[in-house]
């Protein structure tokens, strides 16, 4: 069985090295950010021992706790421009659960984004299990909130929380008009912005900061447009909300993956020092070029007016000639991993939810995006074998960018093993940031 396991792992790794992953919920860790998962921190606890217990109950977490408190928290406060940070959530859904439990009580009515407007399929389930009563935010169409209907709803119903939870999105919701309505007719209502899909775009200043647009709190997973580990965070300015979130997370999470904490800190340092703002901007530019070329190839691409997307996601309808499952497998055989959906907002047939984030992370440009889009269209239709062309493009885009390079990571690992921690990384020069290459 071990040989079968290793064989499957080898096939997976080979496929990852030869193709492109266009799944919006997945990205690529840098070589250095993978390092904590191979070292002792992966096995250790840190429960904020001194705050909770008044002593070190898990003493192996002493240095790891210092990384969380002294490095990760300040970095996240800088990127979120917030006063308070919580990094105990271990995933996006775990983050959702903590926020809903902290900000709403059993019996409270809350508003969430309907699935027809891109809402996360699990939010209502989690809210209901916690005893809240979820209602839909009214929308005019798949993209635009019905502000008049929302105003009337908030006047009619006592709403504790508006939870903005898009997981399929092309044009992210702006909290500011909602804030204006809440302030006018329901000032006790809280607004939380689930930024799981777009944290990298917010941190790169491509999308606005939700706190500055009126959200009381925001946060979400750190492995989508933000190319970090599977983890999550919550940010707020409010000390009252921070205390409620902390008290809830203390009971909802025990081990919050210290390797993930260290990896996230490394990811944010690299995002700061290695052109994260450039990566974020190029991600959106690449998504727009990819969508434009798909449409030029004759595929049906979702749009609002003449715009295909304002973020990393692109939605394209499956071809009517065969099942979406068959087309997904055809793409996979060509070296393109795509995320099939039975339907997406404005696309009433089977469709694919795609992302330019991981592709951009590998150094992809708009020209590469158009090249890959033409390959995608050919593979989807099965007209021409294109696996060799995909592999050739993947050989061109053969390393994670916007990070410290693999040689530096390997050198650092060797020094840690030899107890020499004097090694240091240099930040990118202006010239290196301009081309998006890794240090070294």
Protein backbone atom coordinates (compact mmCIF):
# COMPACT_ATOMS: atom_id res chain seq x y z
CA UNK A 1 0.00 0.00 0.00
CA UNK A 2 2.88 2.37 0.65
CA UNK A 3 4.11 1.98 -2.91
CA UNK A 4 0.60 2.69 -4.22
CA UNK A 5 0.41 5.79 -2.04
CA UNK A 6 3.79 7.06 -3.23
CA UNK A 7 2.86 6.34 -6.84
CA UNK A 8 -0.32 8.43 -6.53
CA UNK A 9 1.65 11.21 -4.88
CA UNK A 10 4.23 11.10 -7.64
CA UNK A 11 1.56 11.31 -10.35
CA UNK A 12 -0.07 14.26 -8.59
CA UNK A 13 3.24 16.08 -8.30
CA UNK A 14 4.14 15.41 -11.93
CA UNK A 15 0.78 16.76 -13.07
CA UNK A 16 1.29 19.87 -10.93
CA UNK A 17 4.67 20.47 -12.53
CA UNK A 18 3.37 20.02 -16.08
CA UNK A 19 0.07 21.91 -16.06
CA UNK A 20 -1.92 24.90 -14.81
CA UNK A 21 -4.43 25.08 -11.98
CA UNK A 22 -7.19 27.62 -12.66
CA UNK A 23 -9.26 26.79 -9.55
CA UNK A 24 -10.18 30.01 -7.66
CA UNK A 25 -9.82 28.40 -4.22
CA UNK A 26 -6.24 27.26 -4.82
CA UNK A 27 -2.88 28.95 -5.27
CA UNK A 28 0.82 28.16 -4.85
CA UNK A 29 2.92 28.51 -1.70
CA UNK A 30 6.41 29.85 -2.14
CA UNK A 31 9.36 27.52 -1.46
CA UNK A 32 10.12 29.31 1.80
CA UNK A 33 6.49 29.30 2.93
CA UNK A 34 6.39 25.50 2.60
CA UNK A 35 9.35 25.13 4.97
CA UNK A 36 7.42 25.28 8.29
CA UNK A 37 5.38 22.23 7.23
CA UNK A 38 8.56 20.13 7.06
CA UNK A 39 9.89 21.28 10.44
CA UNK A 40 8.92 20.77 14.08
CA UNK A 41 6.30 23.61 14.26
CA UNK A 42 3.89 21.45 12.28
CA UNK A 43 3.50 19.22 15.37
CA UNK A 44 3.25 21.90 18.07
CA UNK A 45 0.54 23.76 19.98
CA UNK A 46 0.33 27.40 20.92
CA UNK A 47 -2.85 28.34 22.73
CA UNK A 48 -1.83 31.81 23.88
CA UNK A 49 -0.94 30.06 27.11
CA UNK A 50 -0.11 33.06 29.27
CA UNK A 51 -3.37 34.84 28.45
CA UNK A 52 -5.53 31.75 28.91
CA UNK A 53 -3.74 29.85 31.68
CA UNK A 54 -1.25 32.25 33.24
CA UNK A 55 1.63 29.87 32.52
CA UNK A 56 3.22 27.91 29.68
CA UNK A 57 1.19 24.69 29.47
CA UNK A 58 2.61 23.92 26.01
CA UNK A 59 6.18 25.25 26.33
CA UNK A 60 7.19 24.09 22.84
CA UNK A 61 5.04 26.93 21.56
CA UNK A 62 7.07 29.69 23.21
CA UNK A 63 9.04 30.70 20.08
CA UNK A 64 6.11 30.00 17.78
CA UNK A 65 3.86 32.20 19.90
CA UNK A 66 6.41 34.99 19.58
CA UNK A 67 6.24 34.65 15.79
CA UNK A 68 2.46 34.95 15.94
CA UNK A 69 2.34 37.89 18.35
CA UNK A 70 5.45 39.82 17.33
CA UNK A 71 5.57 39.23 13.57
CA UNK A 72 2.30 37.90 12.13
CA UNK A 73 -0.06 40.18 14.07
CA UNK A 74 1.80 43.41 13.15
CA UNK A 75 2.00 42.33 9.51
CA UNK A 76 -1.72 41.60 9.33
CA UNK A 77 -2.57 44.85 11.10
CA UNK A 78 -0.47 46.64 8.49
CA UNK A 79 -2.15 44.91 5.54
CA UNK A 80 -5.69 45.12 6.96
CA UNK A 81 -5.15 48.58 8.46
CA UNK A 82 -6.96 47.36 11.57
CA UNK A 83 -6.49 47.65 15.33
CA UNK A 84 -7.27 44.02 16.20
CA UNK A 85 -6.39 40.71 14.52
CA UNK A 86 -7.37 37.12 15.24
CA UNK A 87 -5.53 34.29 13.47
CA UNK A 88 -7.05 31.29 15.24
CA UNK A 89 -9.42 30.26 12.40
CA UNK A 90 -7.98 27.31 10.48
CA UNK A 91 -10.07 27.65 7.30
CA UNK A 92 -12.61 29.83 5.58
CA UNK A 93 -15.63 27.89 6.88
CA UNK A 94 -14.12 27.77 10.37
CA UNK A 95 -13.74 31.55 10.13
CA UNK A 96 -17.37 31.87 9.07
CA UNK A 97 -18.45 29.74 12.01
CA UNK A 98 -16.48 31.83 14.50
CA UNK A 99 -17.77 35.14 13.11
CA UNK A 100 -21.40 34.02 13.08
CA UNK A 101 -21.14 32.58 16.61
CA UNK A 102 -19.39 35.70 17.92
CA UNK A 103 -21.53 38.38 16.28
CA UNK A 104 -25.00 36.79 16.34
CA UNK A 105 -26.93 34.97 19.07
CA UNK A 106 -29.42 32.10 18.59
CA UNK A 107 -32.64 33.59 17.32
CA UNK A 108 -31.00 36.62 15.71
CA UNK A 109 -31.89 37.41 12.12
CA UNK A 110 -28.97 37.85 9.76
CA UNK A 111 -28.66 38.66 6.06
CA UNK A 112 -26.42 36.71 3.66
CA UNK A 113 -25.75 36.82 -0.07
CA UNK A 114 -28.09 34.47 -1.99
CA UNK A 115 -26.45 31.72 -4.02
CA UNK A 116 -27.88 33.31 -7.17
CA UNK A 117 -25.68 36.34 -6.48
CA UNK A 118 -22.58 34.30 -5.64
CA UNK A 119 -23.17 33.59 -1.95
CA UNK A 120 -21.29 30.73 -0.32
CA UNK A 121 -23.38 27.57 -0.25
CA UNK A 122 -22.49 26.74 3.37
CA UNK A 123 -23.09 30.07 5.10
CA UNK A 124 -26.81 29.57 5.61
CA UNK A 125 -26.24 26.02 6.83
CA UNK A 126 -23.72 27.16 9.43
CA UNK A 127 -25.93 30.06 10.55
CA UNK A 128 -28.96 27.81 10.91
CA UNK A 129 -27.03 25.21 12.93
CA UNK A 130 -25.89 28.01 15.26
CA UNK A 131 -29.51 29.03 15.80
CA UNK A 132 -29.53 32.21 13.72
CA UNK A 133 -32.26 32.94 11.18
CA UNK A 134 -30.66 33.71 7.79
CA UNK A 135 -32.47 35.79 5.18
CA UNK A 136 -31.33 36.78 1.68
CA UNK A 137 -29.91 40.20 0.90
CA UNK A 138 -32.21 41.49 -1.88
CA UNK A 139 -30.54 41.82 -5.28
CA UNK A 140 -31.74 43.51 -8.47
CA UNK A 141 -29.79 41.00 -10.56
CA UNK A 142 -26.79 38.70 -10.14
CA UNK A 143 -24.44 41.61 -9.41
CA UNK A 144 -26.30 44.58 -7.90
CA UNK A 145 -27.94 44.88 -4.48
CA UNK A 146 -31.49 46.25 -4.45
CA UNK A 147 -30.81 49.18 -2.12
CA UNK A 148 -34.46 50.24 -1.86
CA UNK A 149 -35.54 46.71 -0.93
CA UNK A 150 -32.66 46.41 1.55
CA UNK A 151 -33.68 49.69 3.19
CA UNK A 152 -37.27 48.48 3.51
CA UNK A 153 -36.12 45.12 4.90
CA UNK A 154 -33.93 46.74 7.55
CA UNK A 155 -36.81 49.01 8.58
CA UNK A 156 -39.21 46.06 8.78
CA UNK A 157 -36.97 43.44 10.43
CA UNK A 158 -34.51 43.62 13.30
CA UNK A 159 -31.31 42.42 11.62
CA UNK A 160 -28.31 41.73 13.83
CA UNK A 161 -25.69 41.06 11.13
CA UNK A 162 -25.20 41.49 7.38
CA UNK A 163 -22.71 38.83 6.30
CA UNK A 164 -21.27 39.55 2.83
CA UNK A 165 -20.15 36.12 1.71
CA UNK A 166 -19.48 35.91 -2.04
CA UNK A 167 -17.52 32.84 -3.07
CA UNK A 168 -18.36 33.14 -6.77
CA UNK A 169 -17.83 36.73 -7.82
CA UNK A 170 -16.81 38.84 -10.75
CA UNK A 171 -17.58 42.29 -9.32
CA UNK A 172 -17.02 42.27 -5.54
CA UNK A 173 -19.66 43.89 -3.34
CA UNK A 174 -18.81 47.36 -2.05
CA UNK A 175 -19.84 47.63 1.64
CA UNK A 176 -20.13 51.45 1.49
CA UNK A 177 -23.72 51.73 0.15
CA UNK A 178 -24.80 49.10 2.70
CA UNK A 179 -23.08 51.05 5.47
CA UNK A 180 -24.94 54.21 4.45
CA UNK A 181 -28.29 52.37 4.58
CA UNK A 182 -27.50 50.74 7.93
CA UNK A 183 -26.45 54.05 9.48
CA UNK A 184 -29.68 55.63 8.30
CA UNK A 185 -32.25 53.01 9.29
CA UNK A 186 -30.64 50.25 11.43
CA UNK A 187 -27.55 51.55 13.26
CA UNK A 188 -27.29 48.51 15.55
CA UNK A 189 -26.79 46.15 12.59
CA UNK A 190 -23.23 44.86 12.11
CA UNK A 191 -21.55 44.30 8.73
CA UNK A 192 -18.96 41.56 8.19
CA UNK A 193 -17.17 41.21 4.84
CA UNK A 194 -15.95 37.69 4.03
CA UNK A 195 -12.86 38.45 1.97
CA UNK A 196 -11.70 34.85 1.47
CA UNK A 197 -11.56 35.05 -2.32
CA UNK A 198 -10.01 38.50 -2.57
CA UNK A 199 -7.59 38.98 0.34
CA UNK A 200 -4.60 39.14 -2.01
CA UNK A 201 -6.33 41.83 -4.08
CA UNK A 202 -7.20 43.84 -0.96
CA UNK A 203 -3.68 43.54 0.45
CA UNK A 204 -2.29 44.57 -2.94
CA UNK A 205 -4.59 47.66 -2.98
CA UNK A 206 -6.39 46.54 -6.13
CA UNK A 207 -9.66 46.34 -4.18
CA UNK A 208 -10.57 48.74 -1.34
CA UNK A 209 -10.15 47.87 2.31
CA UNK A 210 -13.55 46.71 3.66
CA UNK A 211 -13.06 48.46 7.01
CA UNK A 212 -12.53 51.73 5.16
CA UNK A 213 -15.72 51.09 3.19
CA UNK A 214 -17.87 50.59 6.28
CA UNK A 215 -17.53 46.97 7.35
CA UNK A 216 -17.28 46.40 11.11
CA UNK A 217 -15.01 43.41 10.51
CA UNK A 218 -13.59 41.42 7.64
CA UNK A 219 -11.48 38.36 7.01
CA UNK A 220 -11.32 34.91 5.55
CA UNK A 221 -9.02 32.29 4.14
CA UNK A 222 -5.43 33.02 3.16
CA UNK A 223 -4.78 30.58 0.30
CA UNK A 224 -6.74 31.98 -2.66
CA UNK A 225 -5.68 35.30 -4.16
CA UNK A 226 -3.47 35.66 -1.09
CA UNK A 227 -1.00 32.85 -1.90
CA UNK A 228 -0.50 31.58 1.65
CA UNK A 229 -1.28 28.43 3.63
CA UNK A 230 -4.72 27.02 4.41
CA UNK A 231 -5.55 29.34 7.27
CA UNK A 232 -7.76 32.36 8.03
CA UNK A 233 -7.92 35.64 9.96
CA UNK A 234 -10.43 38.19 11.25
CA UNK A 235 -9.73 41.95 11.43
CA UNK A 236 -11.67 44.73 13.16
CA UNK A 237 -11.26 48.17 14.70
CA UNK A 238 -13.77 47.45 17.47
CA UNK A 239 -12.44 46.29 20.86
CA UNK A 240 -15.89 44.90 21.71
CA UNK A 241 -16.03 42.79 18.55
CA UNK A 242 -12.40 41.73 18.99
CA UNK A 243 -13.18 40.46 22.51
CA UNK A 244 -16.26 38.57 21.29
CA UNK A 245 -14.32 36.99 18.43
CA UNK A 246 -11.43 36.07 20.74
CA UNK A 247 -13.73 34.49 23.34
CA UNK A 248 -15.49 32.46 20.64
CA UNK A 249 -12.33 31.35 18.86
CA UNK A 250 -10.79 30.19 22.17
CA UNK A 251 -13.56 27.58 22.40
CA UNK A 252 -14.04 26.80 18.70
CA UNK A 253 -10.37 26.16 17.87
CA UNK A 254 -7.76 24.26 19.83
CA UNK A 255 -4.69 23.69 17.68
CA UNK A 256 -4.66 26.42 15.06
CA UNK A 257 -1.78 24.97 13.02
CA UNK A 258 1.42 26.71 14.02
CA UNK A 259 3.14 25.69 10.80
CA UNK A 260 0.37 27.63 9.08
CA UNK A 261 0.97 30.62 11.35
CA UNK A 262 4.67 30.69 10.43
CA UNK A 263 3.92 30.07 6.76
CA UNK A 264 1.41 32.92 6.70
CA UNK A 265 3.94 35.27 8.28
CA UNK A 266 6.47 34.31 5.58
CA UNK A 267 3.84 34.82 2.86
CA UNK A 268 3.07 38.32 4.12
CA UNK A 269 6.75 39.24 4.35
CA UNK A 270 7.18 38.10 0.75
CA UNK A 271 4.02 39.93 -0.30
CA UNK A 272 5.44 43.10 1.27
CA UNK A 273 9.01 42.73 -0.03
CA UNK A 274 8.64 40.90 -3.33
CA UNK A 275 6.05 42.79 -5.33
CA UNK A 276 2.73 41.66 -3.88
CA UNK A 277 1.09 44.81 -5.19
CA UNK A 278 2.38 44.02 -8.69
CA UNK A 279 1.14 40.42 -8.42
CA UNK A 280 -2.32 41.63 -7.34
CA UNK A 281 -2.62 44.10 -10.20
CA UNK A 282 -1.41 41.58 -12.76
CA UNK A 283 -3.84 38.97 -11.46
CA UNK A 284 -6.79 41.17 -12.41
CA UNK A 285 -5.19 42.21 -15.70
CA UNK A 286 -4.55 38.55 -16.56
CA UNK A 287 -8.12 37.56 -15.67
CA UNK A 288 -9.46 40.27 -17.96
CA UNK A 289 -7.14 39.25 -20.82
CA UNK A 290 -8.02 35.57 -20.29
CA UNK A 291 -11.75 36.31 -20.38
CA UNK A 292 -11.42 38.53 -23.45
CA UNK A 293 -9.55 35.81 -25.36
CA UNK A 294 -12.04 33.12 -24.33
CA UNK A 295 -14.85 35.28 -25.71
CA UNK A 296 -12.86 35.89 -28.89
CA UNK A 297 -12.56 32.10 -29.22
CA UNK A 298 -16.33 31.84 -29.34
CA UNK A 299 -17.00 30.70 -25.77
CA UNK A 300 -19.78 32.21 -23.66
CA UNK A 301 -18.11 34.25 -20.91
CA UNK A 302 -20.20 35.82 -18.14
CA UNK A 303 -20.15 39.62 -18.08
CA UNK A 304 -21.84 42.71 -16.71
CA UNK A 305 -22.33 44.98 -19.67
CA UNK A 306 -19.09 44.96 -21.61
CA UNK A 307 -16.91 44.04 -18.59
CA UNK A 308 -15.99 40.43 -17.87
CA UNK A 309 -14.47 40.75 -14.39
CA UNK A 310 -13.03 43.15 -11.82
CA UNK A 311 -11.21 40.48 -9.82
CA UNK A 312 -9.40 37.17 -10.38
CA UNK A 313 -12.40 35.07 -11.39
CA UNK A 314 -13.70 34.33 -14.88
CA UNK A 315 -16.86 32.31 -15.62
CA UNK A 316 -17.28 30.45 -18.88
CA UNK A 317 -20.13 28.20 -19.99
CA UNK A 318 -19.41 24.58 -20.83
CA UNK A 319 -19.93 23.56 -24.42
CA UNK A 320 -23.38 22.07 -25.11
CA UNK A 321 -22.00 19.11 -27.07
CA UNK A 322 -21.13 16.95 -24.05
CA UNK A 323 -21.26 16.95 -20.26
CA UNK A 324 -19.29 19.40 -18.16
CA UNK A 325 -17.72 16.44 -16.35
CA UNK A 326 -16.40 15.08 -19.65
CA UNK A 327 -15.08 18.52 -20.60
CA UNK A 328 -13.43 18.92 -17.19
CA UNK A 329 -11.66 15.57 -17.67
CA UNK A 330 -10.65 16.60 -21.19
CA UNK A 331 -9.11 19.78 -19.77
CA UNK A 332 -7.36 17.80 -17.04
CA UNK A 333 -5.83 15.44 -19.60
CA UNK A 334 -4.50 18.49 -21.43
CA UNK A 335 -2.93 19.78 -18.22
CA UNK A 336 -5.54 22.38 -17.22
CA UNK A 337 -7.40 21.99 -13.93
CA UNK A 338 -10.76 23.81 -14.01
CA UNK A 339 -13.53 24.17 -11.42
CA UNK A 340 -16.87 22.95 -12.89
CA UNK A 341 -20.20 24.23 -11.52
CA UNK A 342 -23.73 23.06 -12.36
CA UNK A 343 -24.53 26.74 -12.91
CA UNK A 344 -23.17 30.17 -12.02
CA UNK A 345 -24.93 33.54 -11.77
CA UNK A 346 -25.99 34.62 -15.30
CA UNK A 347 -24.75 31.25 -16.69
CA UNK A 348 -27.72 28.93 -16.49
CA UNK A 349 -25.97 25.95 -18.05
CA UNK A 350 -23.03 24.00 -16.64
CA UNK A 351 -20.05 26.28 -16.33
CA UNK A 352 -16.47 26.64 -15.18
CA UNK A 353 -15.36 29.03 -12.42
CA UNK A 354 -11.78 29.98 -13.26
CA UNK A 355 -9.06 32.09 -11.66
CA UNK A 356 -5.92 33.82 -12.89
CA UNK A 357 -4.30 33.95 -9.43
CA UNK A 358 -2.12 30.82 -9.44
CA UNK A 359 -1.22 31.36 -13.09
CA UNK A 360 -0.07 34.89 -12.28
CA UNK A 361 1.85 33.59 -9.27
CA UNK A 362 3.94 31.55 -11.74
CA UNK A 363 4.91 34.72 -13.60
CA UNK A 364 2.12 34.74 -16.18
CA UNK A 365 1.51 37.95 -18.14
CA UNK A 366 -1.46 39.13 -20.21
CA UNK A 367 0.16 37.64 -23.32
CA UNK A 368 0.55 34.29 -21.54
CA UNK A 369 -3.07 34.55 -20.36
CA UNK A 370 -4.30 34.94 -23.93
CA UNK A 371 -2.14 32.02 -25.03
CA UNK A 372 -3.55 29.82 -22.26
CA UNK A 373 -7.12 30.91 -23.08
CA UNK A 374 -6.72 29.71 -26.66
CA UNK A 375 -5.42 26.37 -25.34
CA UNK A 376 -8.37 26.20 -22.93
CA UNK A 377 -10.88 26.69 -25.76
CA UNK A 378 -9.25 24.00 -27.90
CA UNK A 379 -9.10 21.53 -25.03
CA UNK A 380 -12.70 22.24 -23.99
CA UNK A 381 -13.94 21.45 -27.47
CA UNK A 382 -11.58 18.53 -28.02
CA UNK A 383 -10.69 19.89 -31.44
CA UNK A 384 -6.93 19.61 -31.18
CA UNK A 385 -4.55 17.76 -28.82
CA UNK A 386 -2.81 20.56 -26.91
CA UNK A 387 -1.14 18.81 -23.94
CA UNK A 388 2.30 19.39 -25.46
CA UNK A 389 1.59 23.10 -25.88
CA UNK A 390 0.39 23.38 -22.27
CA UNK A 391 3.52 21.63 -21.01
CA UNK A 392 5.70 23.94 -23.11
CA UNK A 393 4.04 27.02 -21.59
CA UNK A 394 4.38 25.49 -18.13
CA UNK A 395 8.12 24.98 -18.74
CA UNK A 396 8.33 28.67 -19.53
CA UNK A 397 6.45 29.53 -16.33
CA UNK A 398 8.35 27.06 -14.19
CA UNK A 399 8.77 28.73 -10.80
CA UNK A 400 6.75 30.55 -8.18
CA UNK A 401 7.37 34.30 -8.47
CA UNK A 402 6.87 37.30 -6.18
CA UNK A 403 8.76 35.50 -3.41
CA UNK A 404 12.18 34.56 -2.12
CA UNK A 405 13.58 31.90 -4.42
CA UNK A 406 13.99 28.16 -3.84
CA UNK A 407 17.77 28.32 -3.45
CA UNK A 408 17.39 30.81 -0.61
CA UNK A 409 14.77 28.60 1.05
CA UNK A 410 17.00 25.53 0.78
CA UNK A 411 19.94 27.47 2.17
CA UNK A 412 17.86 28.64 5.10
CA UNK A 413 16.63 25.09 5.82
CA UNK A 414 20.22 23.86 5.90
CA UNK A 415 21.18 26.61 8.34
CA UNK A 416 18.22 25.86 10.62
CA UNK A 417 19.20 22.18 10.69
CA UNK A 418 22.78 23.20 11.59
CA UNK A 419 21.52 25.63 14.28
CA UNK A 420 22.82 28.62 12.29
CA UNK A 421 20.02 31.17 12.04
CA UNK A 422 22.19 34.09 10.97
CA UNK A 423 21.08 33.81 7.34
CA UNK A 424 18.98 36.72 6.09
CA UNK A 425 17.03 37.50 2.93
CA UNK A 426 17.38 40.76 1.06
CA UNK A 427 14.23 42.55 -0.15
CA UNK A 428 13.63 43.04 -3.86
CA UNK A 429 15.20 45.96 -5.62
CA UNK A 430 12.98 48.32 -7.59
CA UNK A 431 14.19 46.65 -10.80
CA UNK A 432 13.31 43.16 -9.56
CA UNK A 433 9.87 44.33 -8.37
CA UNK A 434 9.20 45.78 -11.81
CA UNK A 435 9.62 42.43 -13.57
CA UNK A 436 8.13 40.32 -10.78
CA UNK A 437 11.06 37.92 -10.44
CA UNK A 438 12.11 36.19 -7.26
CA UNK A 439 15.14 37.25 -5.26
CA UNK A 440 18.38 35.57 -6.36
